[in-house]
N, C-alpha and C. Protein backbone atom coordinates (compact mmCIF):
# COMPACT_ATOMS: atom_id res chain seq x y z
N MET A 1 10.33 -13.76 1.12
CA MET A 1 9.40 -12.53 1.50
C MET A 1 9.43 -11.06 0.34
N LYS A 2 8.72 -10.66 0.24
CA LYS A 2 8.47 -9.73 -0.81
C LYS A 2 7.88 -8.31 -0.58
N VAL A 3 8.11 -7.31 -0.66
CA VAL A 3 7.49 -6.02 -0.40
C VAL A 3 7.37 -5.32 -1.78
N LEU A 4 5.97 -4.76 -2.15
CA LEU A 4 5.36 -4.08 -3.59
C LEU A 4 5.54 -2.62 -3.13
N GLY A 5 6.00 -1.61 -3.93
CA GLY A 5 6.02 -0.32 -3.78
C GLY A 5 4.91 0.13 -4.55
N ILE A 6 3.77 0.21 -4.25
CA ILE A 6 2.78 1.07 -5.24
C ILE A 6 2.39 2.45 -5.46
N VAL A 7 2.87 2.69 -6.61
CA VAL A 7 2.79 4.60 -6.95
C VAL A 7 1.29 5.08 -7.84
N GLY A 8 0.83 5.96 -7.37
CA GLY A 8 -0.21 6.51 -7.78
C GLY A 8 -0.09 7.70 -8.52
N SER A 9 1.30 7.85 -8.83
CA SER A 9 1.45 9.21 -9.74
C SER A 9 2.04 8.59 -10.96
N ARG A 10 1.65 9.28 -12.13
CA ARG A 10 1.77 9.20 -13.36
C ARG A 10 3.51 9.51 -13.75
N ARG A 11 3.78 10.08 -12.56
CA ARG A 11 5.41 10.76 -13.34
C ARG A 11 6.37 9.88 -12.17
N LYS A 12 6.83 8.88 -13.09
CA LYS A 12 7.60 7.61 -12.79
C LYS A 12 9.08 8.27 -12.38
N ASN A 13 9.36 9.64 -12.51
CA ASN A 13 10.40 10.01 -11.91
C ASN A 13 10.26 11.60 -10.83
N GLY A 14 8.92 11.27 -10.51
CA GLY A 14 8.17 12.49 -9.76
C GLY A 14 8.85 12.28 -8.22
N ASN A 15 7.94 13.05 -7.29
CA ASN A 15 8.57 12.78 -6.02
C ASN A 15 7.76 11.87 -5.62
N THR A 16 6.55 11.11 -5.77
CA THR A 16 6.27 10.22 -5.29
C THR A 16 7.02 8.76 -5.40
N ALA A 17 7.17 8.61 -6.43
CA ALA A 17 8.01 7.43 -7.07
C ALA A 17 9.63 7.41 -6.19
N CYS A 18 9.84 8.94 -6.36
CA CYS A 18 11.25 8.55 -5.44
C CYS A 18 11.30 8.48 -4.20
N LEU A 19 10.25 8.93 -3.22
CA LEU A 19 10.07 8.64 -2.00
C LEU A 19 9.48 7.20 -1.55
N VAL A 20 9.09 6.64 -2.23
CA VAL A 20 8.38 5.41 -2.47
C VAL A 20 9.73 4.03 -2.65
N GLN A 21 10.48 4.44 -3.44
CA GLN A 21 11.92 4.11 -3.94
C GLN A 21 12.95 4.03 -2.66
N GLU A 22 13.20 5.06 -1.97
CA GLU A 22 13.86 5.29 -1.26
C GLU A 22 13.15 4.09 0.29
N ALA A 23 11.58 4.59 0.27
CA ALA A 23 11.47 3.45 1.43
C ALA A 23 12.09 2.00 1.26
N LEU A 24 11.59 1.62 -0.47
CA LEU A 24 12.11 -0.05 -0.68
C LEU A 24 13.46 -0.32 -0.70
N ASN A 25 14.28 0.72 -0.98
CA ASN A 25 15.84 0.51 -0.40
C ASN A 25 16.13 0.10 0.76
N GLU A 26 15.40 0.75 1.54
CA GLU A 26 15.90 0.47 3.00
C GLU A 26 15.47 -1.11 3.24
N VAL A 27 14.28 -1.25 2.70
CA VAL A 27 13.32 -2.54 3.03
C VAL A 27 14.49 -3.78 2.35
N GLN A 28 14.56 -3.37 1.17
CA GLN A 28 15.41 -4.53 0.28
C GLN A 28 16.90 -5.20 1.21
N CYS A 29 16.88 -6.67 1.34
CA CYS A 29 17.85 -6.95 1.83
C CYS A 29 18.08 -8.13 1.25
N GLU A 30 18.70 -9.34 1.85
CA GLU A 30 19.11 -10.66 1.19
C GLU A 30 17.88 -11.43 1.21
N GLU A 31 17.00 -11.41 2.58
CA GLU A 31 15.74 -11.78 2.30
C GLU A 31 14.52 -11.18 2.32
N ILE A 32 14.62 -10.10 1.91
CA ILE A 32 13.44 -9.37 1.51
C ILE A 32 13.54 -9.10 0.28
N GLU A 33 12.81 -9.41 -0.82
CA GLU A 33 12.72 -8.95 -2.42
C GLU A 33 11.62 -7.51 -2.81
N THR A 34 12.35 -6.80 -3.22
CA THR A 34 11.00 -5.63 -3.49
C THR A 34 10.68 -5.54 -5.23
N GLU A 35 9.75 -5.11 -5.25
CA GLU A 35 9.36 -4.76 -6.52
C GLU A 35 8.22 -3.30 -6.38
N MET A 36 8.76 -2.81 -7.78
CA MET A 36 7.69 -1.24 -7.73
C MET A 36 6.91 -1.41 -8.79
N ILE A 37 5.64 -1.06 -8.63
CA ILE A 37 4.60 -0.99 -9.42
C ILE A 37 3.97 0.42 -9.76
N PHE A 38 4.22 0.88 -11.19
CA PHE A 38 3.28 2.04 -11.27
C PHE A 38 2.11 1.89 -12.06
N LEU A 39 1.00 2.45 -11.32
CA LEU A 39 -0.58 1.82 -11.48
C LEU A 39 -0.89 2.69 -13.05
N GLY A 40 0.00 3.57 -13.34
CA GLY A 40 -0.17 4.40 -14.44
C GLY A 40 0.07 3.37 -15.75
N ASP A 41 0.72 2.48 -15.23
CA ASP A 41 1.26 1.47 -16.60
C ASP A 41 -0.11 0.53 -16.87
N TYR A 42 -1.11 0.33 -16.20
CA TYR A 42 -1.85 -0.76 -16.17
C TYR A 42 -3.37 -0.42 -16.53
N ASN A 43 -4.06 -0.59 -17.15
CA ASN A 43 -5.78 -0.09 -17.41
C ASN A 43 -6.58 -0.89 -16.19
N ILE A 44 -6.88 -0.06 -15.13
CA ILE A 44 -7.57 -0.56 -14.19
C ILE A 44 -9.08 0.29 -13.96
N ARG A 45 -10.19 -0.50 -14.25
CA ARG A 45 -10.79 0.23 -13.73
C ARG A 45 -11.44 -0.10 -12.40
N GLY A 46 -12.25 1.15 -11.93
CA GLY A 46 -13.03 0.84 -10.62
C GLY A 46 -13.80 -0.35 -10.66
N CYS A 47 -14.41 -0.17 -8.82
CA CYS A 47 -15.00 -1.18 -8.76
C CYS A 47 -16.64 -0.70 -9.48
N ILE A 48 -17.68 -1.46 -9.43
CA ILE A 48 -18.67 -1.47 -10.21
C ILE A 48 -19.69 -1.60 -9.45
N GLY A 49 -19.12 -2.38 -8.41
CA GLY A 49 -20.27 -2.93 -7.41
C GLY A 49 -21.18 -4.24 -7.52
N CYS A 50 -20.79 -5.42 -8.44
CA CYS A 50 -21.94 -6.15 -8.90
C CYS A 50 -21.52 -7.08 -7.65
N GLU A 51 -20.54 -6.93 -6.77
CA GLU A 51 -20.56 -8.62 -5.88
C GLU A 51 -20.62 -9.84 -6.52
N GLY A 52 -19.59 -9.88 -7.57
CA GLY A 52 -19.30 -11.04 -8.16
C GLY A 52 -18.12 -11.66 -7.66
N CYS A 53 -17.36 -11.00 -6.47
CA CYS A 53 -16.85 -11.76 -6.00
C CYS A 53 -16.80 -11.93 -4.69
N LYS A 54 -18.14 -12.05 -4.57
CA LYS A 54 -18.89 -12.53 -2.96
C LYS A 54 -18.21 -13.61 -2.42
N ASP A 55 -18.65 -15.06 -3.41
CA ASP A 55 -18.02 -15.87 -2.68
C ASP A 55 -16.95 -16.44 -3.12
N THR A 56 -15.86 -15.86 -3.82
CA THR A 56 -14.97 -16.33 -4.75
C THR A 56 -13.61 -15.66 -3.90
N TYR A 57 -14.22 -14.50 -3.96
CA TYR A 57 -13.03 -13.76 -3.27
C TYR A 57 -11.79 -13.13 -4.49
N LYS A 58 -12.64 -12.85 -5.55
CA LYS A 58 -11.91 -12.80 -6.92
C LYS A 58 -12.99 -11.83 -7.65
N CYS A 59 -11.87 -11.03 -8.34
CA CYS A 59 -13.02 -9.76 -8.78
C CYS A 59 -13.19 -10.73 -10.30
N VAL A 60 -14.17 -10.01 -10.90
CA VAL A 60 -14.76 -10.82 -12.23
C VAL A 60 -14.69 -9.94 -13.36
N ILE A 61 -13.72 -8.46 -13.01
CA ILE A 61 -13.50 -7.62 -13.93
C ILE A 61 -12.35 -7.58 -14.71
N LYS A 62 -12.38 -8.17 -16.24
CA LYS A 62 -10.91 -8.83 -16.53
C LYS A 62 -10.34 -7.60 -17.38
N ASP A 63 -9.53 -6.90 -16.41
CA ASP A 63 -8.67 -5.90 -16.62
C ASP A 63 -7.06 -6.27 -16.48
N ASP A 64 -6.25 -5.37 -16.39
CA ASP A 64 -4.78 -5.27 -16.04
C ASP A 64 -4.86 -5.56 -14.63
N MET A 65 -5.88 -5.07 -13.65
CA MET A 65 -5.67 -5.50 -12.61
C MET A 65 -5.67 -6.97 -12.32
N GLN A 66 -5.94 -7.76 -13.03
CA GLN A 66 -5.65 -9.15 -12.96
C GLN A 66 -4.44 -9.67 -12.92
N LYS A 67 -3.24 -9.09 -13.36
CA LYS A 67 -1.89 -9.30 -13.69
C LYS A 67 -1.48 -8.67 -12.18
N LEU A 68 -2.10 -8.11 -11.45
CA LEU A 68 -1.54 -7.53 -9.89
C LEU A 68 -1.91 -8.15 -9.09
N TYR A 69 -3.18 -8.81 -8.97
CA TYR A 69 -3.62 -9.72 -7.98
C TYR A 69 -2.76 -10.27 -7.01
N PRO A 70 -2.16 -11.50 -8.01
CA PRO A 70 -0.79 -13.00 -8.01
C PRO A 70 0.17 -11.51 -7.13
N ARG A 71 0.52 -10.65 -7.59
CA ARG A 71 1.42 -10.19 -6.78
C ARG A 71 1.28 -9.52 -5.32
N ILE A 72 0.19 -8.97 -5.16
CA ILE A 72 -0.17 -8.53 -4.15
C ILE A 72 -0.43 -9.52 -2.95
N LEU A 73 -1.11 -10.47 -3.80
CA LEU A 73 -1.33 -11.99 -2.81
C LEU A 73 -0.07 -12.28 -1.94
N GLU A 74 0.77 -12.39 -2.90
CA GLU A 74 2.34 -12.84 -2.71
C GLU A 74 2.96 -12.01 -1.57
N ALA A 75 2.71 -10.71 -1.86
CA ALA A 75 3.71 -9.90 -1.12
C ALA A 75 3.43 -9.86 0.39
N ASP A 76 4.27 -10.00 1.42
CA ASP A 76 4.20 -9.70 2.69
C ASP A 76 3.67 -8.26 3.42
N ALA A 77 4.02 -7.46 2.43
CA ALA A 77 3.76 -5.95 2.99
C ALA A 77 3.88 -5.07 1.35
N ILE A 78 3.00 -3.69 1.35
CA ILE A 78 2.82 -2.82 0.41
C ILE A 78 3.60 -1.49 1.03
N ILE A 79 4.26 -0.68 0.11
CA ILE A 79 4.38 0.89 0.48
C ILE A 79 3.42 1.37 -0.51
N MET A 80 2.85 2.21 0.04
CA MET A 80 1.70 3.03 -0.90
C MET A 80 1.98 4.12 -0.92
N GLY A 81 2.03 5.15 -2.37
CA GLY A 81 2.39 6.29 -2.28
C GLY A 81 1.59 6.98 -3.30
N SER A 82 1.04 8.15 -2.82
CA SER A 82 0.36 8.96 -3.69
C SER A 82 0.36 10.36 -3.37
N PRO A 83 0.65 11.69 -4.68
CA PRO A 83 0.58 12.92 -4.87
C PRO A 83 -1.01 13.31 -4.21
N THR A 84 -0.88 14.20 -3.65
CA THR A 84 -2.65 15.17 -3.37
C THR A 84 -3.01 15.94 -4.78
N TYR A 85 -4.26 15.37 -5.24
CA TYR A 85 -4.98 15.54 -6.22
C TYR A 85 -6.38 16.11 -5.86
N PHE A 86 -6.42 17.71 -5.33
CA PHE A 86 -7.81 18.02 -4.82
C PHE A 86 -8.04 17.26 -3.45
N TYR A 87 -6.92 17.73 -2.57
CA TYR A 87 -7.49 17.26 -1.30
C TYR A 87 -7.86 15.64 -1.18
N ASN A 88 -7.17 14.65 -1.78
CA ASN A 88 -7.33 13.32 -2.31
C ASN A 88 -6.30 12.45 -2.74
N ILE A 89 -6.53 11.12 -3.04
CA ILE A 89 -5.58 10.48 -3.54
C ILE A 89 -5.58 10.46 -5.07
N THR A 90 -5.01 10.02 -6.00
CA THR A 90 -5.23 10.32 -7.32
C THR A 90 -6.12 9.14 -7.64
N SER A 91 -6.62 9.35 -9.13
CA SER A 91 -7.62 8.67 -9.57
C SER A 91 -7.33 7.11 -9.45
N ASP A 92 -5.91 6.70 -10.17
CA ASP A 92 -5.43 5.63 -10.20
C ASP A 92 -4.92 5.12 -8.97
N MET A 93 -4.63 5.79 -8.32
CA MET A 93 -4.66 4.97 -6.73
C MET A 93 -6.39 4.00 -6.36
N LYS A 94 -7.14 4.95 -6.59
CA LYS A 94 -8.64 5.10 -5.76
C LYS A 94 -9.03 4.17 -6.62
N ALA A 95 -8.96 4.09 -8.01
CA ALA A 95 -9.36 2.68 -8.57
C ALA A 95 -8.72 1.66 -8.19
N PHE A 96 -7.60 1.33 -7.95
CA PHE A 96 -6.32 0.56 -7.65
C PHE A 96 -7.29 -0.56 -6.10
N ILE A 97 -7.75 0.72 -5.07
CA ILE A 97 -7.83 0.22 -3.84
C ILE A 97 -9.24 -0.40 -3.93
N GLU A 98 -9.94 0.30 -4.75
CA GLU A 98 -11.50 -0.04 -4.79
C GLU A 98 -11.55 -1.52 -5.36
N ARG A 99 -10.43 -1.99 -6.43
CA ARG A 99 -10.47 -3.24 -7.01
C ARG A 99 -10.33 -4.31 -5.58
N LEU A 100 -9.71 -3.61 -4.32
CA LEU A 100 -9.10 -4.94 -3.66
C LEU A 100 -10.35 -5.01 -2.90
N TYR A 101 -11.54 -4.65 -3.13
CA TYR A 101 -12.59 -5.27 -2.34
C TYR A 101 -12.76 -6.19 -2.28
N CYS A 102 -12.63 -7.17 -3.47
CA CYS A 102 -12.68 -8.39 -3.66
C CYS A 102 -12.06 -9.11 -2.45
N PHE A 103 -11.13 -8.48 -1.68
CA PHE A 103 -10.55 -9.51 -0.68
C PHE A 103 -11.22 -9.36 0.96
N GLN A 104 -12.35 -8.34 0.62
CA GLN A 104 -13.34 -8.25 2.03
C GLN A 104 -14.13 -9.54 2.10
N ILE A 105 -14.61 -9.92 3.12
CA ILE A 105 -15.61 -11.12 3.70
C ILE A 105 -16.58 -10.53 4.56
N PHE A 106 -17.86 -11.06 4.17
CA PHE A 106 -19.09 -10.13 5.39
C PHE A 106 -19.92 -11.41 5.38
N ALA A 107 -20.30 -11.50 6.87
CA ALA A 107 -21.44 -12.43 7.08
C ALA A 107 -22.61 -12.37 6.14
N GLU A 108 -23.21 -13.61 5.84
CA GLU A 108 -24.04 -13.46 4.84
C GLU A 108 -25.48 -12.40 5.52
N ASP A 109 -25.72 -12.76 6.95
CA ASP A 109 -26.87 -12.27 7.60
C ASP A 109 -26.30 -10.75 8.50
N ASP A 110 -25.21 -10.43 8.32
CA ASP A 110 -24.99 -9.24 8.68
C ASP A 110 -24.25 -8.48 8.39
N ARG A 111 -23.97 -7.66 7.42
CA ARG A 111 -22.79 -7.09 6.89
C ARG A 111 -21.90 -6.41 7.34
N SER A 112 -22.56 -5.53 9.00
CA SER A 112 -21.74 -5.14 9.85
C SER A 112 -20.56 -6.31 10.62
N VAL A 113 -20.68 -7.53 10.21
CA VAL A 113 -19.81 -8.48 10.71
C VAL A 113 -18.93 -8.60 9.62
N TRP A 114 -17.39 -8.32 9.61
CA TRP A 114 -16.68 -8.36 8.34
C TRP A 114 -15.18 -8.78 8.68
N SER A 115 -14.33 -9.55 7.59
CA SER A 115 -13.24 -9.60 8.05
C SER A 115 -12.27 -9.03 6.55
N SER A 116 -11.08 -9.76 6.22
CA SER A 116 -10.71 -10.19 4.96
C SER A 116 -9.54 -11.15 4.91
N ILE A 117 -9.49 -11.33 3.60
CA ILE A 117 -8.75 -12.78 3.26
C ILE A 117 -7.15 -12.58 3.83
N ASN A 118 -6.51 -11.59 3.86
CA ASN A 118 -5.51 -11.16 4.80
C ASN A 118 -5.58 -11.43 5.80
N GLU A 119 -6.63 -10.95 6.68
CA GLU A 119 -7.04 -11.01 8.07
C GLU A 119 -6.89 -12.21 8.42
N VAL A 120 -7.47 -13.27 7.64
CA VAL A 120 -7.83 -14.62 7.92
C VAL A 120 -6.35 -15.47 7.88
N LEU A 121 -5.43 -14.95 6.67
CA LEU A 121 -4.35 -15.64 6.52
C LEU A 121 -2.97 -15.55 7.18
N GLY A 122 -3.81 -14.37 8.27
CA GLY A 122 -2.28 -14.01 9.00
C GLY A 122 -2.13 -12.42 9.11
N GLY A 123 -2.74 -11.88 8.34
CA GLY A 123 -2.75 -10.08 8.38
C GLY A 123 -1.28 -9.76 7.60
N LYS A 124 -1.08 -8.79 6.95
CA LYS A 124 0.20 -8.26 6.73
C LYS A 124 0.48 -6.87 6.83
N TYR A 125 1.69 -6.29 6.52
CA TYR A 125 1.99 -4.59 6.62
C TYR A 125 1.62 -4.18 5.20
N ALA A 126 1.90 -2.62 6.11
CA ALA A 126 1.93 -1.23 4.98
C ALA A 126 2.47 0.05 5.77
N VAL A 127 3.06 0.70 4.48
CA VAL A 127 3.47 2.01 4.80
C VAL A 127 2.61 2.76 3.93
N VAL A 128 2.42 3.95 4.15
CA VAL A 128 1.48 4.61 3.63
C VAL A 128 2.47 6.22 3.86
N ILE A 129 2.67 6.70 2.20
CA ILE A 129 3.24 7.88 2.16
C ILE A 129 2.42 8.70 1.08
N SER A 130 2.04 9.93 1.81
CA SER A 130 1.32 11.11 1.03
C SER A 130 1.86 12.17 0.59
N ILE A 131 1.83 13.16 -0.25
CA ILE A 131 2.61 14.26 -0.88
C ILE A 131 1.91 15.22 -1.03
N CYS A 132 2.22 16.53 -0.54
CA CYS A 132 1.15 17.84 -1.20
C CYS A 132 2.20 19.12 -1.51
N GLU A 133 1.88 19.75 -2.41
CA GLU A 133 2.26 20.81 -2.83
C GLU A 133 2.50 21.97 -1.65
N GLN A 134 1.28 22.01 -1.21
CA GLN A 134 1.58 22.99 0.05
C GLN A 134 2.09 23.05 1.30
N SER A 135 2.09 24.23 1.97
CA SER A 135 2.98 23.76 2.99
C SER A 135 2.11 23.62 4.55
N ASP A 136 0.61 23.82 4.35
CA ASP A 136 -0.40 23.74 5.26
C ASP A 136 -0.51 22.35 5.19
N GLU A 137 -0.69 21.07 6.74
CA GLU A 137 -1.12 20.16 6.39
C GLU A 137 -2.71 19.49 5.97
N LYS A 138 -3.52 20.78 6.32
CA LYS A 138 -5.14 20.84 5.87
C LYS A 138 -5.06 20.43 4.60
N ASP A 139 -4.14 21.20 3.87
CA ASP A 139 -4.58 21.30 2.26
C ASP A 139 -3.99 20.03 1.70
N MET A 140 -3.58 18.74 2.54
CA MET A 140 -3.31 17.10 1.98
C MET A 140 -4.82 16.58 2.05
N GLY A 141 -5.52 17.17 2.79
CA GLY A 141 -7.04 16.80 2.75
C GLY A 141 -6.75 15.27 3.36
N PHE A 142 -7.41 14.37 2.54
CA PHE A 142 -7.61 13.03 2.89
C PHE A 142 -6.77 11.98 2.04
N THR A 143 -5.82 12.62 1.72
CA THR A 143 -4.73 11.64 0.92
C THR A 143 -4.00 10.83 1.91
N ALA A 144 -4.01 10.97 2.47
CA ALA A 144 -2.91 9.69 3.82
C ALA A 144 -4.20 9.09 4.14
N GLU A 145 -5.56 9.36 4.90
CA GLU A 145 -6.63 8.25 5.37
C GLU A 145 -7.08 7.76 4.14
N ALA A 146 -7.20 8.40 2.77
CA ALA A 146 -7.93 7.31 1.95
C ALA A 146 -7.05 6.10 1.43
N MET A 147 -5.94 5.94 1.77
CA MET A 147 -5.25 4.74 1.48
C MET A 147 -4.90 3.92 2.73
N SER A 148 -4.90 4.62 4.02
CA SER A 148 -4.49 3.76 5.44
C SER A 148 -5.84 3.12 6.03
N GLN A 149 -6.96 3.87 5.73
CA GLN A 149 -8.04 3.69 6.25
C GLN A 149 -8.50 1.98 5.44
N PRO A 150 -8.77 2.25 3.82
CA PRO A 150 -9.01 0.86 3.32
C PRO A 150 -7.90 0.11 3.55
N LEU A 151 -6.33 0.11 3.84
CA LEU A 151 -5.80 -1.00 4.13
C LEU A 151 -5.91 -1.48 5.26
N GLU A 152 -6.15 -0.92 6.15
CA GLU A 152 -6.59 -1.64 7.88
C GLU A 152 -7.66 -2.41 7.29
N GLY A 153 -8.91 -1.99 7.01
CA GLY A 153 -9.96 -2.57 6.58
C GLY A 153 -9.77 -4.26 5.72
N LEU A 154 -8.73 -4.20 5.15
CA LEU A 154 -8.26 -5.13 4.13
C LEU A 154 -7.10 -6.17 4.99
N GLY A 155 -6.86 -5.95 6.16
CA GLY A 155 -6.21 -6.62 6.91
C GLY A 155 -4.55 -6.35 6.96
N TYR A 156 -4.34 -5.33 6.57
CA TYR A 156 -2.67 -4.74 6.79
C TYR A 156 -2.80 -3.65 7.97
N ARG A 157 -1.90 -3.86 8.65
CA ARG A 157 -1.06 -2.91 9.71
C ARG A 157 -0.22 -1.78 9.25
N VAL A 158 -1.00 -0.96 9.32
CA VAL A 158 -0.40 0.14 8.81
C VAL A 158 0.84 0.77 10.07
N ILE A 159 1.98 0.16 9.74
CA ILE A 159 2.91 0.43 10.72
C ILE A 159 3.69 2.60 10.66
N GLU A 160 3.23 2.73 9.65
CA GLU A 160 3.94 3.99 9.16
C GLU A 160 3.48 5.13 8.50
N THR A 161 2.54 6.32 8.59
CA THR A 161 2.02 7.13 7.74
C THR A 161 3.12 8.33 7.81
N VAL A 162 3.56 8.34 6.17
CA VAL A 162 4.07 9.45 6.08
C VAL A 162 3.62 10.43 5.24
N LYS A 163 3.46 12.23 5.87
CA LYS A 163 3.00 13.14 5.10
C LYS A 163 4.31 13.84 5.25
N ILE A 164 4.24 14.38 3.40
CA ILE A 164 5.21 15.03 3.26
C ILE A 164 4.53 15.97 2.44
N LEU A 165 5.06 17.46 2.82
CA LEU A 165 4.42 18.57 2.38
C LEU A 165 5.97 19.63 1.83
N LYS A 166 4.77 20.55 0.83
CA LYS A 166 5.96 21.61 0.34
C LYS A 166 6.67 20.81 -0.96
N LEU A 167 6.57 19.82 -1.81
CA LEU A 167 6.90 19.06 -2.86
C LEU A 167 6.04 19.15 -4.02
N PHE A 168 6.59 19.64 -5.41
CA PHE A 168 5.90 20.06 -6.22
C PHE A 168 6.79 19.54 -7.43
N LYS A 169 7.90 20.44 -7.87
CA LYS A 169 8.43 20.45 -8.78
C LYS A 169 9.31 18.97 -8.98
N LYS A 170 9.32 18.23 -10.29
CA LYS A 170 10.21 17.14 -10.20
C LYS A 170 11.43 17.07 -9.91
N GLY A 171 11.72 16.10 -8.69
CA GLY A 171 13.43 15.93 -8.43
C GLY A 171 13.53 16.57 -6.60
N GLU A 172 12.40 17.40 -6.69
CA GLU A 172 12.54 18.28 -5.45
C GLU A 172 12.46 17.07 -4.31
N ALA A 173 11.88 15.77 -4.14
CA ALA A 173 12.20 14.96 -3.33
C ALA A 173 13.47 14.54 -2.67
N LEU A 174 14.32 14.62 -3.81
CA LEU A 174 15.95 14.07 -3.43
C LEU A 174 16.45 15.01 -3.13
N LYS A 175 15.87 16.42 -2.76
CA LYS A 175 16.93 17.54 -2.01
C LYS A 175 16.53 17.86 -0.97
N ASN A 176 15.40 17.34 -0.54
CA ASN A 176 14.43 17.49 0.70
C ASN A 176 15.13 16.32 2.06
N GLN A 177 15.90 16.64 2.66
CA GLN A 177 16.60 15.59 3.59
C GLN A 177 15.71 15.11 4.61
N ASP A 178 14.53 15.92 5.01
CA ASP A 178 13.67 15.55 5.92
C ASP A 178 12.62 14.45 5.41
N ALA A 179 11.96 14.95 4.22
CA ALA A 179 11.35 13.93 3.61
C ALA A 179 11.75 12.65 3.18
N LEU A 180 13.38 12.61 2.99
CA LEU A 180 14.00 11.29 2.78
C LEU A 180 14.72 10.82 4.21
N ASP A 181 14.54 11.25 5.27
CA ASP A 181 14.84 10.46 6.48
C ASP A 181 13.63 10.08 6.84
N GLN A 182 12.33 10.59 6.67
CA GLN A 182 11.19 10.06 6.88
C GLN A 182 10.99 8.85 6.39
N VAL A 183 10.87 8.67 5.05
CA VAL A 183 10.59 7.53 4.17
C VAL A 183 11.66 6.50 4.58
N LYS A 184 12.67 6.81 4.67
CA LYS A 184 13.82 5.90 4.98
C LYS A 184 13.42 4.90 6.46
N LYS A 185 13.08 6.03 7.38
CA LYS A 185 12.76 5.43 8.78
C LYS A 185 11.85 4.47 8.62
N ALA A 186 10.61 4.80 7.68
CA ALA A 186 9.47 4.10 7.53
C ALA A 186 9.91 2.77 6.71
N GLY A 187 10.81 3.00 5.93
CA GLY A 187 11.13 1.82 5.03
C GLY A 187 12.19 0.87 6.34
N ILE A 188 13.04 1.08 7.25
CA ILE A 188 13.33 0.31 8.06
C ILE A 188 12.98 -0.45 9.02
N LYS A 189 11.83 0.66 9.52
CA LYS A 189 10.71 -0.20 10.73
C LYS A 189 10.12 -1.01 9.78
N LEU A 190 9.86 -0.68 8.76
CA LEU A 190 8.66 -2.15 7.88
C LEU A 190 9.65 -3.35 7.98
N ARG A 191 10.90 -3.36 7.54
CA ARG A 191 12.08 -4.38 7.19
C ARG A 191 12.18 -5.23 8.42
N LYS A 192 12.36 -4.05 9.70
CA LYS A 192 12.49 -4.95 11.17
C LYS A 192 11.27 -5.52 11.36
N THR A 193 10.00 -5.13 11.10
CA THR A 193 8.85 -5.63 11.50
C THR A 193 8.30 -6.97 10.63
N ILE A 194 8.94 -7.13 9.70
CA ILE A 194 8.71 -8.36 8.49
C ILE A 194 9.48 -9.06 9.17
N ARG A 195 10.91 -8.92 9.72
CA ARG A 195 11.99 -9.81 10.46
C ARG A 195 11.50 -10.38 11.41
N LEU A 196 10.79 -9.23 12.70
CA LEU A 196 10.38 -9.94 13.67
C LEU A 196 9.46 -10.74 13.62
N ARG A 197 8.02 -10.57 12.72
CA ARG A 197 7.16 -11.91 12.30
C ARG A 197 7.86 -13.30 12.20
N LYS A 198 8.78 -12.96 10.93
CA LYS A 198 9.53 -14.28 10.89
C LYS A 198 10.19 -15.02 11.68
N GLU A 199 10.81 -14.08 12.42
CA GLU A 199 11.77 -14.86 13.37
C GLU A 199 10.60 -15.43 14.60
N THR A 200 9.92 -14.56 15.08
CA THR A 200 8.72 -15.40 15.76
C THR A 200 7.58 -16.30 15.43
N GLU A 201 7.86 -16.47 13.87
CA GLU A 201 7.15 -17.78 13.54
C GLU A 201 7.79 -18.89 13.86
N LYS A 202 9.07 -18.72 13.43
CA LYS A 202 10.15 -19.91 13.90
C LYS A 202 10.05 -20.28 15.00
N LYS A 203 10.37 -19.50 15.96
CA LYS A 203 10.35 -19.94 17.48
C LYS A 203 8.81 -20.23 17.80
N LEU A 204 7.84 -20.09 17.25
CA LEU A 204 6.82 -20.64 17.69
C LEU A 204 6.56 -21.84 17.33
N ARG A 205 7.33 -22.25 15.93
CA ARG A 205 6.91 -23.67 15.42
C ARG A 205 8.04 -24.49 16.36
N SER A 206 8.93 -23.86 16.67
CA SER A 206 10.18 -24.61 17.27
C SER A 206 9.53 -25.62 18.48
N SER A 207 8.38 -24.12 19.58
CA SER A 207 8.25 -24.67 20.77
C SER A 207 6.74 -25.45 20.89
N LEU A 208 6.50 -25.48 19.53
CA LEU A 208 5.06 -26.31 19.42
C LEU A 208 5.31 -27.81 18.88
N ASP A 209 6.84 -27.71 18.36
CA ASP A 209 7.03 -28.95 18.12
C ASP A 209 7.36 -30.50 18.89
């Protein structure tokens, strides 16, 4: 089993990276592998709306996103984190999410009828972590929702959405016990959810044999 941490910040030792890593630390165990991905390390273009993925569910744009698709498909869950840039997610995170569009499935005769390859294959799980320097949650704008809503459409069940305020300077997250507690709690819940699924799958297989 595997969980990916997706970091939308360019600061590798910044608050977003620290909080995603703290959540991953709580997920990692003997049966669950974790990996951190910094989107700033990859050249990822936004979706161009060409519909080249319509029949294959594979994006036709040849850039670094092609390196990430196999890892995304392999993972049982993701922990996605972004700071707030002008009331929204970063441009790196936006491009990444747009390029997951190839996992969507639409009925030929009615695009209001849709699903996703993740949903067809059994569904996956996600945790969303959004960070804002301001003290009022309204100043976070759409950051959390800009991650959670596309994930739900892509067949992920978002089991926890963590919103952290008043973090700006590098390293502040590691001094904020409430922030650490929230992401650790989310990581623990994700680990338990993945385990529950795997245990239940085994029981169901045994009962059907």
